[in-house]
Amino acid sequence: MKKSDIPQDESALKGWTREVFYAKNDDGKYEAGLSTGWSVKKDALDGAWDEVNKNVEDARQQVVAGKLSPIYYYMELRLMDVGVLAQYVGFWKWRVKRHFNPTIFKKLSDDVLQKYADVFEIDVEQLKNFK
C-alpha cells in the first residue's frame, strides 16, 4: 500500500485516536502514516457497540422490572463482568452475584453500596434510586 492510499474512513473513534499504518512512500521505502479509520474496522466496531448498547438496555429493563438490582445495570454500563467488578469492590464473585438480587440489594448497608458507587463513579443515592 502506498502512503497516499492509507484509509481515512471516519469511525466511532474519530477525534479520540488515530492509528499508525506502515506504507511505502514515493521512494518505495516503508514509512509510518496516520489513519482516521478504515471502513471494515468501523463496521466491526459499530457492531460491537450495538451489542454493548443492547446489553445495557436489557439490563436497564430487568432492573426496572424488578428482576435484577441496579448493580447489574451499572456493571453492564461500565463494560465490566462479575470478576472485574468483584476485584474492584473487594468481594468474592458469588457475593457480587448475590447482590444482583433486588431483595438482597435492598438490605445492603450504605458502606457496601458506597464501594459499588465508588467503582461506578456515582453516588449511593443514584444507586439506591435507580430510574
N, C-alpha and C. Protein backbone atom coordinates (compact mmCIF):
# COMPACT_ATOMS: atom_id res chain seq x y z
N MET A 1 0.84 -1.17 0.00
CA MET A 1 0.00 0.00 0.00
C MET A 1 0.89 1.24 0.00
N LYS A 2 0.49 2.21 -0.77
CA LYS A 2 1.21 3.48 -0.79
C LYS A 2 0.71 4.36 0.35
N LYS A 3 1.57 5.24 0.78
CA LYS A 3 1.21 6.12 1.88
C LYS A 3 -0.04 6.94 1.55
N SER A 4 -0.19 7.32 0.30
CA SER A 4 -1.36 8.11 -0.10
C SER A 4 -2.65 7.28 -0.09
N ASP A 5 -2.52 5.94 -0.01
CA ASP A 5 -3.68 5.05 -0.01
C ASP A 5 -4.11 4.62 1.39
N ILE A 6 -3.47 5.13 2.41
CA ILE A 6 -3.85 4.78 3.78
C ILE A 6 -5.31 5.21 3.99
N PRO A 7 -6.16 4.29 4.47
CA PRO A 7 -7.58 4.62 4.63
C PRO A 7 -7.82 5.76 5.61
N GLN A 8 -8.78 6.59 5.28
CA GLN A 8 -9.14 7.72 6.13
C GLN A 8 -10.66 7.76 6.34
N ASP A 9 -11.27 6.60 6.57
CA ASP A 9 -12.70 6.50 6.81
C ASP A 9 -13.02 6.90 8.24
N GLU A 10 -14.11 7.62 8.44
CA GLU A 10 -14.49 8.04 9.79
C GLU A 10 -15.06 6.86 10.57
N SER A 11 -14.77 6.84 11.86
CA SER A 11 -15.30 5.79 12.72
C SER A 11 -15.73 6.39 14.06
N ALA A 12 -16.18 5.53 14.96
CA ALA A 12 -16.61 5.98 16.29
C ALA A 12 -15.46 6.57 17.09
N LEU A 13 -14.24 6.29 16.68
CA LEU A 13 -13.07 6.79 17.40
C LEU A 13 -12.55 8.11 16.85
N LYS A 14 -13.27 8.67 15.86
CA LYS A 14 -12.84 9.94 15.28
C LYS A 14 -12.75 11.01 16.38
N GLY A 15 -11.67 11.72 16.38
CA GLY A 15 -11.47 12.75 17.39
C GLY A 15 -10.83 12.21 18.67
N TRP A 16 -10.77 10.90 18.82
CA TRP A 16 -10.19 10.30 20.02
C TRP A 16 -8.79 9.77 19.75
N THR A 17 -8.65 9.12 18.62
CA THR A 17 -7.37 8.48 18.35
C THR A 17 -7.19 8.28 16.85
N ARG A 18 -5.98 8.03 16.46
CA ARG A 18 -5.67 7.65 15.09
C ARG A 18 -4.74 6.45 15.15
N GLU A 19 -4.71 5.69 14.07
CA GLU A 19 -3.87 4.50 14.03
C GLU A 19 -2.66 4.74 13.14
N VAL A 20 -1.60 4.05 13.49
CA VAL A 20 -0.39 4.10 12.67
C VAL A 20 -0.45 2.96 11.66
N PHE A 21 -0.27 3.29 10.41
CA PHE A 21 -0.15 2.31 9.33
C PHE A 21 1.24 2.47 8.72
N TYR A 22 1.78 1.39 8.26
CA TYR A 22 3.06 1.47 7.57
C TYR A 22 2.80 1.23 6.08
N ALA A 23 3.25 2.16 5.29
CA ALA A 23 3.03 2.09 3.85
C ALA A 23 4.28 2.60 3.15
N LYS A 24 4.34 2.31 1.87
CA LYS A 24 5.51 2.73 1.09
C LYS A 24 5.37 4.19 0.66
N ASN A 25 6.47 4.91 0.76
CA ASN A 25 6.48 6.30 0.30
C ASN A 25 6.82 6.31 -1.20
N ASP A 26 7.03 7.48 -1.75
CA ASP A 26 7.33 7.60 -3.18
C ASP A 26 8.64 6.92 -3.58
N ASP A 27 9.54 6.75 -2.61
CA ASP A 27 10.83 6.10 -2.89
C ASP A 27 10.76 4.58 -2.72
N GLY A 28 9.58 4.06 -2.32
CA GLY A 28 9.43 2.62 -2.14
C GLY A 28 9.87 2.12 -0.77
N LYS A 29 10.16 3.03 0.15
CA LYS A 29 10.57 2.65 1.50
C LYS A 29 9.36 2.76 2.44
N TYR A 30 9.33 1.86 3.43
CA TYR A 30 8.22 1.90 4.37
C TYR A 30 8.35 3.11 5.30
N GLU A 31 7.19 3.71 5.56
CA GLU A 31 7.14 4.91 6.37
C GLU A 31 5.83 4.88 7.15
N ALA A 32 5.84 5.42 8.35
CA ALA A 32 4.63 5.47 9.17
C ALA A 32 3.70 6.56 8.66
N GLY A 33 2.41 6.26 8.68
CA GLY A 33 1.39 7.23 8.32
C GLY A 33 0.20 7.06 9.23
N LEU A 34 -0.55 8.12 9.46
CA LEU A 34 -1.70 8.06 10.37
C LEU A 34 -3.00 7.88 9.59
N SER A 35 -3.91 7.12 10.20
CA SER A 35 -5.22 6.87 9.61
C SER A 35 -6.30 7.24 10.61
N THR A 36 -7.37 7.86 10.12
CA THR A 36 -8.51 8.17 10.99
C THR A 36 -9.45 6.98 11.10
N GLY A 37 -9.28 5.99 10.26
CA GLY A 37 -10.13 4.81 10.33
C GLY A 37 -10.14 4.03 9.04
N TRP A 38 -10.80 2.90 9.10
CA TRP A 38 -10.90 2.02 7.96
C TRP A 38 -12.30 1.44 8.00
N SER A 39 -13.01 1.46 6.89
CA SER A 39 -14.43 1.09 6.87
C SER A 39 -14.69 -0.31 7.43
N VAL A 40 -13.83 -1.26 7.16
CA VAL A 40 -14.02 -2.62 7.67
C VAL A 40 -13.94 -2.63 9.20
N LYS A 41 -12.96 -1.95 9.73
CA LYS A 41 -12.80 -1.86 11.17
C LYS A 41 -13.96 -1.07 11.79
N LYS A 42 -14.40 -0.03 11.10
CA LYS A 42 -15.53 0.77 11.56
C LYS A 42 -16.78 -0.09 11.68
N ASP A 43 -17.05 -0.92 10.68
CA ASP A 43 -18.22 -1.79 10.71
C ASP A 43 -18.16 -2.76 11.88
N ALA A 44 -16.99 -3.32 12.13
CA ALA A 44 -16.83 -4.24 13.26
C ALA A 44 -17.02 -3.51 14.58
N LEU A 45 -16.45 -2.33 14.70
CA LEU A 45 -16.57 -1.54 15.92
C LEU A 45 -18.02 -1.12 16.16
N ASP A 46 -18.69 -0.69 15.10
CA ASP A 46 -20.10 -0.31 15.23
C ASP A 46 -20.95 -1.49 15.68
N GLY A 47 -20.67 -2.67 15.14
CA GLY A 47 -21.40 -3.87 15.55
C GLY A 47 -21.18 -4.20 17.01
N ALA A 48 -19.96 -4.04 17.46
CA ALA A 48 -19.64 -4.30 18.87
C ALA A 48 -20.37 -3.31 19.78
N TRP A 49 -20.38 -2.03 19.40
CA TRP A 49 -21.08 -1.03 20.21
C TRP A 49 -22.59 -1.25 20.21
N ASP A 50 -23.14 -1.73 19.10
CA ASP A 50 -24.57 -2.05 19.05
C ASP A 50 -24.88 -3.14 20.07
N GLU A 51 -24.01 -4.14 20.15
CA GLU A 51 -24.21 -5.24 21.11
C GLU A 51 -24.09 -4.73 22.55
N VAL A 52 -23.12 -3.87 22.81
CA VAL A 52 -22.96 -3.29 24.15
C VAL A 52 -24.22 -2.51 24.53
N ASN A 53 -24.70 -1.67 23.64
CA ASN A 53 -25.89 -0.86 23.92
C ASN A 53 -27.12 -1.74 24.15
N LYS A 54 -27.23 -2.84 23.41
CA LYS A 54 -28.34 -3.78 23.60
C LYS A 54 -28.26 -4.41 24.99
N ASN A 55 -27.07 -4.83 25.39
CA ASN A 55 -26.90 -5.43 26.72
C ASN A 55 -27.22 -4.46 27.84
N VAL A 56 -26.82 -3.21 27.68
CA VAL A 56 -27.11 -2.19 28.70
C VAL A 56 -28.61 -1.94 28.78
N GLU A 57 -29.27 -1.86 27.65
CA GLU A 57 -30.73 -1.64 27.64
C GLU A 57 -31.46 -2.84 28.24
N ASP A 58 -31.02 -4.05 27.93
CA ASP A 58 -31.63 -5.25 28.53
C ASP A 58 -31.46 -5.22 30.05
N ALA A 59 -30.29 -4.84 30.50
CA ALA A 59 -30.04 -4.76 31.95
C ALA A 59 -30.95 -3.70 32.59
N ARG A 60 -31.10 -2.56 31.92
CA ARG A 60 -31.98 -1.50 32.45
C ARG A 60 -33.41 -2.00 32.59
N GLN A 61 -33.90 -2.69 31.57
CA GLN A 61 -35.27 -3.20 31.60
C GLN A 61 -35.46 -4.23 32.71
N GLN A 62 -34.45 -5.06 32.96
CA GLN A 62 -34.56 -6.05 34.02
C GLN A 62 -34.56 -5.40 35.40
N VAL A 63 -33.83 -4.30 35.54
CA VAL A 63 -33.82 -3.58 36.82
C VAL A 63 -35.18 -2.91 37.02
N VAL A 64 -35.68 -2.26 36.00
CA VAL A 64 -36.99 -1.59 36.09
C VAL A 64 -38.09 -2.61 36.40
N ALA A 65 -37.98 -3.81 35.84
CA ALA A 65 -38.97 -4.87 36.07
C ALA A 65 -38.82 -5.52 37.44
N GLY A 66 -37.75 -5.17 38.17
CA GLY A 66 -37.54 -5.73 39.50
C GLY A 66 -36.90 -7.10 39.50
N LYS A 67 -36.32 -7.51 38.38
CA LYS A 67 -35.68 -8.83 38.29
C LYS A 67 -34.22 -8.80 38.73
N LEU A 68 -33.56 -7.66 38.57
CA LEU A 68 -32.16 -7.51 38.94
C LEU A 68 -31.96 -6.18 39.66
N SER A 69 -30.88 -6.08 40.41
CA SER A 69 -30.58 -4.84 41.12
C SER A 69 -29.84 -3.86 40.21
N PRO A 70 -29.81 -2.59 40.59
CA PRO A 70 -29.06 -1.60 39.81
C PRO A 70 -27.57 -1.91 39.68
N ILE A 71 -27.02 -2.71 40.56
CA ILE A 71 -25.61 -3.07 40.47
C ILE A 71 -25.34 -3.77 39.13
N TYR A 72 -26.25 -4.62 38.72
CA TYR A 72 -26.08 -5.32 37.44
C TYR A 72 -26.08 -4.33 36.28
N TYR A 73 -27.00 -3.38 36.31
CA TYR A 73 -27.07 -2.38 35.24
C TYR A 73 -25.77 -1.58 35.14
N TYR A 74 -25.30 -1.07 36.25
CA TYR A 74 -24.08 -0.26 36.22
C TYR A 74 -22.85 -1.08 35.83
N MET A 75 -22.85 -2.36 36.19
CA MET A 75 -21.75 -3.24 35.77
C MET A 75 -21.74 -3.32 34.23
N GLU A 76 -22.91 -3.53 33.64
CA GLU A 76 -23.01 -3.59 32.18
C GLU A 76 -22.65 -2.24 31.55
N LEU A 77 -23.13 -1.16 32.13
CA LEU A 77 -22.87 0.18 31.61
C LEU A 77 -21.38 0.50 31.59
N ARG A 78 -20.66 0.04 32.60
CA ARG A 78 -19.22 0.30 32.71
C ARG A 78 -18.37 -0.77 32.03
N LEU A 79 -19.03 -1.64 31.26
CA LEU A 79 -18.35 -2.67 30.48
C LEU A 79 -17.50 -3.60 31.35
N MET A 80 -18.07 -4.00 32.47
CA MET A 80 -17.40 -4.90 33.40
C MET A 80 -18.08 -6.27 33.36
N ASP A 81 -17.38 -7.27 33.89
CA ASP A 81 -18.03 -8.55 34.15
C ASP A 81 -17.93 -8.79 35.66
N VAL A 82 -18.51 -9.89 36.12
CA VAL A 82 -18.56 -10.16 37.56
C VAL A 82 -17.16 -10.22 38.16
N GLY A 83 -16.24 -10.86 37.48
CA GLY A 83 -14.88 -10.98 38.01
C GLY A 83 -14.19 -9.64 38.19
N VAL A 84 -14.33 -8.78 37.21
CA VAL A 84 -13.70 -7.45 37.29
C VAL A 84 -14.35 -6.64 38.40
N LEU A 85 -15.67 -6.64 38.45
CA LEU A 85 -16.37 -5.88 39.49
C LEU A 85 -16.00 -6.40 40.87
N ALA A 86 -15.94 -7.71 41.02
CA ALA A 86 -15.58 -8.29 42.32
C ALA A 86 -14.20 -7.83 42.78
N GLN A 87 -13.26 -7.77 41.84
CA GLN A 87 -11.93 -7.31 42.20
C GLN A 87 -11.94 -5.84 42.63
N TYR A 88 -12.69 -5.02 41.93
CA TYR A 88 -12.73 -3.59 42.26
C TYR A 88 -13.37 -3.33 43.63
N VAL A 89 -14.45 -4.05 43.95
CA VAL A 89 -15.13 -3.80 45.22
C VAL A 89 -14.55 -4.61 46.37
N GLY A 90 -13.72 -5.63 46.05
CA GLY A 90 -13.09 -6.43 47.09
C GLY A 90 -13.99 -7.51 47.67
N PHE A 91 -14.96 -8.00 46.88
CA PHE A 91 -15.85 -9.07 47.33
C PHE A 91 -15.60 -10.31 46.46
N TRP A 92 -16.00 -11.45 46.98
CA TRP A 92 -15.98 -12.67 46.17
C TRP A 92 -17.01 -12.54 45.06
N LYS A 93 -16.77 -13.24 43.95
CA LYS A 93 -17.71 -13.19 42.82
C LYS A 93 -19.11 -13.65 43.22
N TRP A 94 -19.20 -14.69 44.04
CA TRP A 94 -20.51 -15.19 44.43
C TRP A 94 -21.28 -14.14 45.22
N ARG A 95 -20.55 -13.33 45.96
CA ARG A 95 -21.21 -12.29 46.75
C ARG A 95 -21.73 -11.16 45.85
N VAL A 96 -20.95 -10.80 44.84
CA VAL A 96 -21.40 -9.79 43.87
C VAL A 96 -22.65 -10.29 43.16
N LYS A 97 -22.63 -11.55 42.72
CA LYS A 97 -23.80 -12.13 42.04
C LYS A 97 -25.02 -12.10 42.96
N ARG A 98 -24.79 -12.35 44.22
CA ARG A 98 -25.89 -12.32 45.21
C ARG A 98 -26.48 -10.92 45.30
N HIS A 99 -25.64 -9.90 45.16
CA HIS A 99 -26.10 -8.52 45.24
C HIS A 99 -26.92 -8.10 44.02
N PHE A 100 -26.94 -8.93 42.97
CA PHE A 100 -27.81 -8.67 41.82
C PHE A 100 -29.27 -8.93 42.17
N ASN A 101 -29.51 -9.69 43.21
CA ASN A 101 -30.87 -9.99 43.65
C ASN A 101 -31.47 -8.73 44.29
N PRO A 102 -32.60 -8.23 43.79
CA PRO A 102 -33.18 -6.99 44.33
C PRO A 102 -33.52 -7.07 45.82
N THR A 103 -33.93 -8.22 46.29
CA THR A 103 -34.26 -8.37 47.72
C THR A 103 -33.01 -8.22 48.57
N ILE A 104 -31.93 -8.85 48.15
CA ILE A 104 -30.65 -8.74 48.88
C ILE A 104 -30.13 -7.31 48.76
N PHE A 105 -30.21 -6.73 47.56
CA PHE A 105 -29.72 -5.37 47.32
C PHE A 105 -30.35 -4.37 48.29
N LYS A 106 -31.64 -4.49 48.54
CA LYS A 106 -32.34 -3.55 49.43
C LYS A 106 -31.83 -3.62 50.86
N LYS A 107 -31.21 -4.74 51.23
CA LYS A 107 -30.71 -4.93 52.59
C LYS A 107 -29.25 -4.53 52.75
N LEU A 108 -28.58 -4.15 51.66
CA LEU A 108 -27.15 -3.82 51.74
C LEU A 108 -26.93 -2.53 52.53
N SER A 109 -25.88 -2.52 53.30
CA SER A 109 -25.53 -1.33 54.08
C SER A 109 -25.01 -0.22 53.17
N ASP A 110 -25.04 0.99 53.66
CA ASP A 110 -24.51 2.11 52.89
C ASP A 110 -23.00 1.95 52.64
N ASP A 111 -22.29 1.30 53.56
CA ASP A 111 -20.86 1.07 53.36
C ASP A 111 -20.60 0.16 52.16
N VAL A 112 -21.40 -0.89 52.03
CA VAL A 112 -21.26 -1.79 50.89
C VAL A 112 -21.66 -1.07 49.61
N LEU A 113 -22.77 -0.35 49.67
CA LEU A 113 -23.23 0.40 48.49
C LEU A 113 -22.22 1.45 48.07
N GLN A 114 -21.53 2.04 49.05
CA GLN A 114 -20.52 3.05 48.74
C GLN A 114 -19.37 2.46 47.93
N LYS A 115 -19.01 1.22 48.22
CA LYS A 115 -17.95 0.56 47.44
C LYS A 115 -18.36 0.45 45.98
N TYR A 116 -19.61 0.03 45.76
CA TYR A 116 -20.10 -0.06 44.38
C TYR A 116 -20.19 1.33 43.74
N ALA A 117 -20.70 2.28 44.48
CA ALA A 117 -20.86 3.64 43.94
C ALA A 117 -19.50 4.22 43.55
N ASP A 118 -18.49 3.99 44.35
CA ASP A 118 -17.15 4.49 44.02
C ASP A 118 -16.64 3.88 42.71
N VAL A 119 -16.85 2.60 42.55
CA VAL A 119 -16.40 1.92 41.33
C VAL A 119 -17.16 2.45 40.11
N PHE A 120 -18.46 2.67 40.27
CA PHE A 120 -19.29 3.13 39.16
C PHE A 120 -19.24 4.65 38.95
N GLU A 121 -18.53 5.33 39.84
CA GLU A 121 -18.39 6.79 39.79
C GLU A 121 -19.74 7.50 39.84
N ILE A 122 -20.57 7.04 40.78
CA ILE A 122 -21.87 7.66 41.04
C ILE A 122 -21.98 7.79 42.56
N ASP A 123 -23.07 8.40 43.03
CA ASP A 123 -23.25 8.45 44.48
C ASP A 123 -24.23 7.35 44.91
N VAL A 124 -24.25 7.07 46.20
CA VAL A 124 -25.07 5.98 46.73
C VAL A 124 -26.55 6.21 46.44
N GLU A 125 -26.99 7.46 46.52
CA GLU A 125 -28.40 7.77 46.25
C GLU A 125 -28.78 7.40 44.82
N GLN A 126 -27.90 7.62 43.89
CA GLN A 126 -28.15 7.24 42.49
C GLN A 126 -28.30 5.73 42.38
N LEU A 127 -27.51 5.01 43.12
CA LEU A 127 -27.57 3.56 43.11
C LEU A 127 -28.86 3.07 43.75
N LYS A 128 -29.25 3.69 44.85
CA LYS A 128 -30.46 3.28 45.55
C LYS A 128 -31.73 3.66 44.78
N ASN A 129 -31.73 4.82 44.15
CA ASN A 129 -32.93 5.34 43.49
C ASN A 129 -32.79 5.27 41.96
N PHE A 130 -32.65 4.06 41.47
CA PHE A 130 -32.47 3.84 40.04
C PHE A 130 -33.73 4.25 39.29
N LYS A 131 -33.52 4.96 38.18
CA LYS A 131 -34.67 5.37 37.37
C LYS A 131 -34.46 4.96 35.95
